[in-house]
């Protein structure tokens, strides 16, 4: 999977109705073609129709990060069909849970969603970017990655690991022209607030357009 990526194509993984949709709209406004990836086909098609009505070129792919092997296979199919210059991983399992009350299987499944899926996306999409010497991989972090939350234990583990993974990938791939960074959202995403999806989407666009040599690793956005 080393076909040269299209620098005007974005893959949005976790293209739900909130932040994922806002990121897709933001890049589409800049003339990007969009590939939407999520686990529910109906929601994907609804968002795709909205984007197409605004003039965007859109493809969709169904994939569930909780199924690590199936998710990897779905991403590989997307990468073969539509190599992209920008990939956004906006997936997370937000659930009230505690370490002492969570089974090992549950925690493993949560980590598959919160961090392993992002690493899989990096493994699948960045080889073509590295070959081209250009590309962007952005992920959505969360407040528990900064301050552990005992009432959201699995998310704390996942977002903490994701933050470390982004740092490692940033340091490894920046010399090859690939920008890896995260937007860490601290608080509840909601329209009309400081964490409005459309406002947050601007942070993803800003990271993508940062000049080489001045690349950020993480942008923290806090709600009021």
C-alpha atoms as a PDB file:
ATOM      1  CA  UNK A   1       0.000   0.000   0.000  1.00  0.00           C
ATOM      2  CA  UNK A   2       2.523   2.590  -1.147  1.00  0.00           C
ATOM      3  CA  UNK A   3       0.487   4.215  -3.943  1.00  0.00           C
ATOM      4  CA  UNK A   4       1.024   7.955  -3.753  1.00  0.00           C
ATOM      5  CA  UNK A   5      -1.722   9.544  -1.668  1.00  0.00           C
ATOM      6  CA  UNK A   6      -4.002  12.303  -2.892  1.00  0.00           C
ATOM      7  CA  UNK A   7      -3.109  15.415  -0.841  1.00  0.00           C
ATOM      8  CA  UNK A   8      -6.669  16.697  -1.365  1.00  0.00           C
ATOM      9  CA  UNK A   9      -8.387  13.643   0.075  1.00  0.00           C
ATOM     10  CA  UNK A  10      -9.269  13.184   3.763  1.00  0.00           C
ATOM     11  CA  UNK A  11     -10.341   9.999   5.528  1.00  0.00           C
ATOM     12  CA  UNK A  12     -12.454  10.717   8.614  1.00  0.00           C
ATOM     13  CA  UNK A  13     -12.612   7.658  10.871  1.00  0.00           C
ATOM     14  CA  UNK A  14     -15.396   8.006  13.385  1.00  0.00           C
ATOM     15  CA  UNK A  15     -17.565  10.164  11.144  1.00  0.00           C
ATOM     16  CA  UNK A  16     -20.448  10.591  13.556  1.00  0.00           C
ATOM     17  CA  UNK A  17     -23.001  13.416  13.629  1.00  0.00           C
ATOM     18  CA  UNK A  18     -20.930  15.691  15.894  1.00  0.00           C
ATOM     19  CA  UNK A  19     -17.211  16.333  15.666  1.00  0.00           C
ATOM     20  CA  UNK A  20     -16.533  13.830  12.883  1.00  0.00           C
ATOM     21  CA  UNK A  21     -19.165  15.446  10.677  1.00  0.00           C
ATOM     22  CA  UNK A  22     -17.788  18.912  11.450  1.00  0.00           C
ATOM     23  CA  UNK A  23     -14.249  17.879  10.488  1.00  0.00           C
ATOM     24  CA  UNK A  24     -15.525  16.343   7.261  1.00  0.00           C
ATOM     25  CA  UNK A  25     -17.434  19.535   6.415  1.00  0.00           C
ATOM     26  CA  UNK A  26     -14.389  21.697   7.208  1.00  0.00           C
ATOM     27  CA  UNK A  27     -12.113  19.836   4.833  1.00  0.00           C
ATOM     28  CA  UNK A  28     -14.832  19.562   2.188  1.00  0.00           C
ATOM     29  CA  UNK A  29     -15.142  23.372   2.200  1.00  0.00           C
ATOM     30  CA  UNK A  30     -11.505  23.491   1.147  1.00  0.00           C
ATOM     31  CA  UNK A  31     -12.241  21.290  -1.861  1.00  0.00           C
ATOM     32  CA  UNK A  32     -11.155  17.973  -0.341  1.00  0.00           C
ATOM     33  CA  UNK A  33     -12.795  14.744  -1.372  1.00  0.00           C
ATOM     34  CA  UNK A  34     -13.943  12.891   1.737  1.00  0.00           C
ATOM     35  CA  UNK A  35     -13.958   9.260   2.816  1.00  0.00           C
ATOM     36  CA  UNK A  36     -16.247   8.658   5.790  1.00  0.00           C
ATOM     37  CA  UNK A  37     -15.620   5.648   8.038  1.00  0.00           C
ATOM     38  CA  UNK A  38     -17.931   4.621  10.877  1.00  0.00           C
ATOM     39  CA  UNK A  39     -19.676   1.558  12.237  1.00  0.00           C
ATOM     40  CA  UNK A  40     -23.260   2.430  11.287  1.00  0.00           C
ATOM     41  CA  UNK A  41     -24.081   2.443   7.578  1.00  0.00           C
ATOM     42  CA  UNK A  42     -27.279   4.458   7.932  1.00  0.00           C
ATOM     43  CA  UNK A  43     -25.573   7.345   9.711  1.00  0.00           C
ATOM     44  CA  UNK A  44     -22.747   7.278   7.167  1.00  0.00           C
ATOM     45  CA  UNK A  45     -25.112   7.573   4.249  1.00  0.00           C
ATOM     46  CA  UNK A  46     -27.005  10.427   5.900  1.00  0.00           C
ATOM     47  CA  UNK A  47     -23.817  12.445   6.410  1.00  0.00           C
ATOM     48  CA  UNK A  48     -22.569  11.547   2.929  1.00  0.00           C
ATOM     49  CA  UNK A  49     -25.812  12.867   1.428  1.00  0.00           C
ATOM     50  CA  UNK A  50     -25.425  16.146   3.303  1.00  0.00           C
ATOM     51  CA  UNK A  51     -21.873  16.603   2.066  1.00  0.00           C
ATOM     52  CA  UNK A  52     -22.749  15.676  -1.507  1.00  0.00           C
ATOM     53  CA  UNK A  53     -25.592  18.188  -1.478  1.00  0.00           C
ATOM     54  CA  UNK A  54     -22.955  20.831  -0.713  1.00  0.00           C
ATOM     55  CA  UNK A  55     -20.877  19.695  -3.681  1.00  0.00           C
ATOM     56  CA  UNK A  56     -18.356  17.381  -2.018  1.00  0.00           C
ATOM     57  CA  UNK A  57     -17.091  14.127  -3.490  1.00  0.00           C
ATOM     58  CA  UNK A  58     -17.770  11.480  -0.826  1.00  0.00           C
ATOM     59  CA  UNK A  59     -17.144   7.773  -0.301  1.00  0.00           C
ATOM     60  CA  UNK A  60     -18.156   5.682   2.705  1.00  0.00           C
ATOM     61  CA  UNK A  61     -16.841   2.574   4.440  1.00  0.00           C
ATOM     62  CA  UNK A  62     -18.336   0.660   7.357  1.00  0.00           C
ATOM     63  CA  UNK A  63     -15.848  -0.410  10.048  1.00  0.00           C
ATOM     64  CA  UNK A  64     -15.971  -1.001  13.801  1.00  0.00           C
ATOM     65  CA  UNK A  65     -12.824  -0.276  15.797  1.00  0.00           C
ATOM     66  CA  UNK A  66     -13.981  -2.717  18.483  1.00  0.00           C
ATOM     67  CA  UNK A  67     -13.308  -5.529  15.989  1.00  0.00           C
ATOM     68  CA  UNK A  68      -9.563  -5.015  15.655  1.00  0.00           C
ATOM     69  CA  UNK A  69      -8.999  -7.473  12.806  1.00  0.00           C
ATOM     70  CA  UNK A  70     -12.082  -6.496  10.836  1.00  0.00           C
ATOM     71  CA  UNK A  71     -11.308  -2.826  11.362  1.00  0.00           C
ATOM     72  CA  UNK A  72      -7.772  -3.259  10.080  1.00  0.00           C
ATOM     73  CA  UNK A  73      -9.036  -5.089   7.000  1.00  0.00           C
ATOM     74  CA  UNK A  74     -11.576  -2.344   6.290  1.00  0.00           C
ATOM     75  CA  UNK A  75      -8.924   0.375   6.576  1.00  0.00           C
ATOM     76  CA  UNK A  76      -6.623  -1.541   4.243  1.00  0.00           C
ATOM     77  CA  UNK A  77      -9.410  -1.719   1.678  1.00  0.00           C
ATOM     78  CA  UNK A  78      -9.923   2.044   1.956  1.00  0.00           C
ATOM     79  CA  UNK A  79      -6.195   2.691   1.611  1.00  0.00           C
ATOM     80  CA  UNK A  80      -5.941   0.529  -1.499  1.00  0.00           C
ATOM     81  CA  UNK A  81      -8.956   2.166  -3.111  1.00  0.00           C
ATOM     82  CA  UNK A  82      -8.495   5.782  -2.085  1.00  0.00           C
ATOM     83  CA  UNK A  83      -5.014   6.696  -0.754  1.00  0.00           C
ATOM     84  CA  UNK A  84      -5.402   9.899   1.239  1.00  0.00           C
ATOM     85  CA  UNK A  85      -3.067  12.685   2.263  1.00  0.00           C
ATOM     86  CA  UNK A  86      -4.993  13.383   5.471  1.00  0.00           C
ATOM     87  CA  UNK A  87      -6.423  10.901   7.976  1.00  0.00           C
ATOM     88  CA  UNK A  88      -8.412  11.837  11.082  1.00  0.00           C
ATOM     89  CA  UNK A  89      -9.030   9.271  13.834  1.00  0.00           C
ATOM     90  CA  UNK A  90     -11.989  10.493  15.858  1.00  0.00           C
ATOM     91  CA  UNK A  91     -13.033   7.378  17.773  1.00  0.00           C
ATOM     92  CA  UNK A  92     -13.431   6.799  21.489  1.00  0.00           C
ATOM     93  CA  UNK A  93     -15.420   4.683  23.923  1.00  0.00           C
ATOM     94  CA  UNK A  94     -16.973   7.093  26.422  1.00  0.00           C
ATOM     95  CA  UNK A  95     -18.486   5.053  29.245  1.00  0.00           C
ATOM     96  CA  UNK A  96     -18.839   5.347  32.996  1.00  0.00           C
ATOM     97  CA  UNK A  97     -16.689   2.528  34.370  1.00  0.00           C
ATOM     98  CA  UNK A  98     -14.112   1.745  37.042  1.00  0.00           C
ATOM     99  CA  UNK A  99     -10.909  -0.259  36.994  1.00  0.00           C
ATOM    100  CA  UNK A 100     -11.820  -2.553  39.882  1.00  0.00           C
ATOM    101  CA  UNK A 101     -15.205  -3.389  38.370  1.00  0.00           C
ATOM    102  CA  UNK A 102     -14.175  -3.891  34.722  1.00  0.00           C
ATOM    103  CA  UNK A 103     -13.321  -7.271  33.272  1.00  0.00           C
ATOM    104  CA  UNK A 104     -10.073  -7.793  31.352  1.00  0.00           C
ATOM    105  CA  UNK A 105     -12.088  -8.486  28.183  1.00  0.00           C
ATOM    106  CA  UNK A 106     -13.979  -5.221  28.540  1.00  0.00           C
ATOM    107  CA  UNK A 107     -10.772  -3.239  29.058  1.00  0.00           C
ATOM    108  CA  UNK A 108      -9.117  -4.881  26.068  1.00  0.00           C
ATOM    109  CA  UNK A 109     -12.096  -4.062  23.871  1.00  0.00           C
ATOM    110  CA  UNK A 110     -12.040  -0.453  25.100  1.00  0.00           C
ATOM    111  CA  UNK A 111      -8.340  -0.123  24.334  1.00  0.00           C
ATOM    112  CA  UNK A 112      -8.981  -1.487  20.845  1.00  0.00           C
ATOM    113  CA  UNK A 113     -11.318   1.438  20.237  1.00  0.00           C
ATOM    114  CA  UNK A 114      -9.448   4.187  22.066  1.00  0.00           C
ATOM    115  CA  UNK A 115      -5.866   3.559  20.989  1.00  0.00           C
ATOM    116  CA  UNK A 116      -5.201   0.385  18.972  1.00  0.00           C
ATOM    117  CA  UNK A 117      -7.458   1.578  16.163  1.00  0.00           C
ATOM    118  CA  UNK A 118      -5.465   4.781  15.885  1.00  0.00           C
ATOM    119  CA  UNK A 119      -2.209   2.838  15.698  1.00  0.00           C
ATOM    120  CA  UNK A 120      -3.722   0.597  13.033  1.00  0.00           C
ATOM    121  CA  UNK A 121      -4.694   3.680  11.053  1.00  0.00           C
ATOM    122  CA  UNK A 122      -1.107   4.909  11.291  1.00  0.00           C
ATOM    123  CA  UNK A 123       0.236   1.545  10.157  1.00  0.00           C
ATOM    124  CA  UNK A 124      -2.163   1.388   7.219  1.00  0.00           C
ATOM    125  CA  UNK A 125      -2.137   4.953   5.892  1.00  0.00           C
ATOM    126  CA  UNK A 126       1.265   6.449   6.692  1.00  0.00           C
ATOM    127  CA  UNK A 127       3.465   4.198   4.491  1.00  0.00           C
ATOM    128  CA  UNK A 128       2.108   5.942   1.381  1.00  0.00           C
ATOM    129  CA  UNK A 129       2.524   9.320   3.070  1.00  0.00           C
ATOM    130  CA  UNK A 130       6.111   8.477   3.969  1.00  0.00           C
ATOM    131  CA  UNK A 131       6.784   7.440   0.398  1.00  0.00           C
ATOM    132  CA  UNK A 132       5.431  10.759  -0.833  1.00  0.00           C
ATOM    133  CA  UNK A 133       7.212  12.740   1.880  1.00  0.00           C
ATOM    134  CA  UNK A 134       3.982  14.446   2.925  1.00  0.00           C
ATOM    135  CA  UNK A 135       0.814  13.698   4.870  1.00  0.00           C
ATOM    136  CA  UNK A 136      -1.160  14.381   8.025  1.00  0.00           C
ATOM    137  CA  UNK A 137      -2.558  12.038  10.680  1.00  0.00           C
ATOM    138  CA  UNK A 138      -4.705  13.700  13.341  1.00  0.00           C
ATOM    139  CA  UNK A 139      -6.403  12.059  16.320  1.00  0.00           C
ATOM    140  CA  UNK A 140      -8.937  13.149  18.912  1.00  0.00           C
ATOM    141  CA  UNK A 141      -7.637  13.018  22.470  1.00  0.00           C
ATOM    142  CA  UNK A 142      -9.554  13.640  25.671  1.00  0.00           C
ATOM    143  CA  UNK A 143      -9.268  15.198  29.104  1.00  0.00           C
ATOM    144  CA  UNK A 144      -8.720  11.874  30.920  1.00  0.00           C
ATOM    145  CA  UNK A 145      -5.469  11.603  28.985  1.00  0.00           C
ATOM    146  CA  UNK A 146      -4.280  14.663  30.910  1.00  0.00           C
ATOM    147  CA  UNK A 147      -5.976  14.164  34.277  1.00  0.00           C
ATOM    148  CA  UNK A 148      -6.997  10.580  35.152  1.00  0.00           C
ATOM    149  CA  UNK A 149     -10.718  10.171  35.810  1.00  0.00           C
ATOM    150  CA  UNK A 150     -11.532   7.214  38.094  1.00  0.00           C
ATOM    151  CA  UNK A 151     -15.170   7.262  36.938  1.00  0.00           C
ATOM    152  CA  UNK A 152     -14.115   6.858  33.300  1.00  0.00           C
ATOM    153  CA  UNK A 153     -11.339   4.357  33.810  1.00  0.00           C
ATOM    154  CA  UNK A 154     -11.183   2.755  30.366  1.00  0.00           C
ATOM    155  CA  UNK A 155     -11.186   6.151  28.674  1.00  0.00           C
ATOM    156  CA  UNK A 156      -8.385   7.270  31.000  1.00  0.00           C
ATOM    157  CA  UNK A 157      -6.285   4.281  29.993  1.00  0.00           C
ATOM    158  CA  UNK A 158      -7.067   4.706  26.314  1.00  0.00           C
ATOM    159  CA  UNK A 159      -6.562   8.440  26.012  1.00  0.00           C
ATOM    160  CA  UNK A 160      -3.368   8.323  28.084  1.00  0.00           C
ATOM    161  CA  UNK A 161      -1.963   5.632  25.817  1.00  0.00           C
ATOM    162  CA  UNK A 162      -3.161   7.507  22.742  1.00  0.00           C
ATOM    163  CA  UNK A 163      -1.367  10.652  23.862  1.00  0.00           C
ATOM    164  CA  UNK A 164       1.875   8.700  24.224  1.00  0.00           C
ATOM    165  CA  UNK A 165       1.353   7.001  20.862  1.00  0.00           C
ATOM    166  CA  UNK A 166       0.909  10.361  19.149  1.00  0.00           C
ATOM    167  CA  UNK A 167       4.151  11.630  20.653  1.00  0.00           C
ATOM    168  CA  UNK A 168       6.036   8.536  19.471  1.00  0.00           C
ATOM    169  CA  UNK A 169       4.534   8.676  15.981  1.00  0.00           C
ATOM    170  CA  UNK A 170       5.132  12.411  15.692  1.00  0.00           C
ATOM    171  CA  UNK A 171       8.809  12.018  16.526  1.00  0.00           C
ATOM    172  CA  UNK A 172       9.237   9.031  14.210  1.00  0.00           C
ATOM    173  CA  UNK A 173       7.383  10.378  11.190  1.00  0.00           C
ATOM    174  CA  UNK A 174       8.086  14.120  11.199  1.00  0.00           C
ATOM    175  CA  UNK A 175      11.545  13.628   9.631  1.00  0.00           C
ATOM    176  CA  UNK A 176       9.793  11.819   6.757  1.00  0.00           C
ATOM    177  CA  UNK A 177       7.358  14.653   6.125  1.00  0.00           C
ATOM    178  CA  UNK A 178       4.342  13.200   7.944  1.00  0.00           C
ATOM    179  CA  UNK A 179       2.665  15.349  10.600  1.00  0.00           C
ATOM    180  CA  UNK A 180       1.069  13.386  13.451  1.00  0.00           C
ATOM    181  CA  UNK A 181      -0.786  15.381  16.082  1.00  0.00           C
ATOM    182  CA  UNK A 182      -3.784  15.312  18.402  1.00  0.00           C
ATOM    183  CA  UNK A 183      -6.567  17.645  19.443  1.00  0.00           C
ATOM    184  CA  UNK A 184      -7.195  17.008  23.144  1.00  0.00           C
ATOM    185  CA  UNK A 185     -10.764  17.980  23.988  1.00  0.00           C
ATOM    186  CA  UNK A 186     -11.319  18.654  27.695  1.00  0.00           C
ATOM    187  CA  UNK A 187     -15.031  18.724  28.385  1.00  0.00           C
ATOM    188  CA  UNK A 188     -18.282  17.811  26.672  1.00  0.00           C
ATOM    189  CA  UNK A 189     -18.594  18.610  22.983  1.00  0.00           C
ATOM    190  CA  UNK A 190     -21.843  20.499  22.338  1.00  0.00           C
ATOM    191  CA  UNK A 191     -23.115  23.052  19.812  1.00  0.00           C
ATOM    192  CA  UNK A 192     -23.094  26.643  20.981  1.00  0.00           C
ATOM    193  CA  UNK A 193     -20.341  26.121  23.555  1.00  0.00           C
ATOM    194  CA  UNK A 194     -16.575  26.608  23.592  1.00  0.00           C
ATOM    195  CA  UNK A 195     -16.450  22.992  22.440  1.00  0.00           C
ATOM    196  CA  UNK A 196     -18.797  23.459  19.511  1.00  0.00           C
ATOM    197  CA  UNK A 197     -17.971  20.829  16.844  1.00  0.00           C
ATOM    198  CA  UNK A 198     -17.467  23.455  14.144  1.00  0.00           C
ATOM    199  CA  UNK A 199     -15.076  25.429  16.356  1.00  0.00           C
ATOM    200  CA  UNK A 200     -13.133  22.274  17.138  1.00  0.00           C
ATOM    201  CA  UNK A 201     -12.962  21.372  13.456  1.00  0.00           C
ATOM    202  CA  UNK A 202     -11.017  24.589  12.897  1.00  0.00           C
ATOM    203  CA  UNK A 203      -8.293  23.210  15.170  1.00  0.00           C
ATOM    204  CA  UNK A 204      -7.916  20.156  12.929  1.00  0.00           C
ATOM    205  CA  UNK A 205      -7.658  22.345   9.851  1.00  0.00           C
ATOM    206  CA  UNK A 206      -5.125  24.584  11.585  1.00  0.00           C
ATOM    207  CA  UNK A 207      -2.973  21.594  12.512  1.00  0.00           C
ATOM    208  CA  UNK A 208      -3.081  20.271   8.973  1.00  0.00           C
ATOM    209  CA  UNK A 209      -2.001  23.619   7.548  1.00  0.00           C
ATOM    210  CA  UNK A 210       0.834  24.280  10.004  1.00  0.00           C
ATOM    211  CA  UNK A 211       4.085  24.881   8.137  1.00  0.00           C
ATOM    212  CA  UNK A 212       6.713  22.172   8.257  1.00  0.00           C
ATOM    213  CA  UNK A 213       9.263  22.940  10.920  1.00  0.00           C
ATOM    214  CA  UNK A 214       6.616  24.412  13.199  1.00  0.00           C
ATOM    215  CA  UNK A 215       4.457  21.349  13.679  1.00  0.00           C
ATOM    216  CA  UNK A 216       2.558  20.933  16.931  1.00  0.00           C
ATOM    217  CA  UNK A 217       2.209  17.550  18.618  1.00  0.00           C
ATOM    218  CA  UNK A 218      -0.953  18.354  20.536  1.00  0.00           C
ATOM    219  CA  UNK A 219      -3.493  21.147  20.896  1.00  0.00           C
ATOM    220  CA  UNK A 220      -5.506  21.218  24.119  1.00  0.00           C
ATOM    221  CA  UNK A 221      -8.974  22.784  23.904  1.00  0.00           C
ATOM    222  CA  UNK A 222     -10.832  23.301  27.172  1.00  0.00           C
ATOM    223  CA  UNK A 223     -14.506  23.932  27.697  1.00  0.00           C
ATOM    224  CA  UNK A 224     -15.605  26.736  30.001  1.00  0.00           C
END
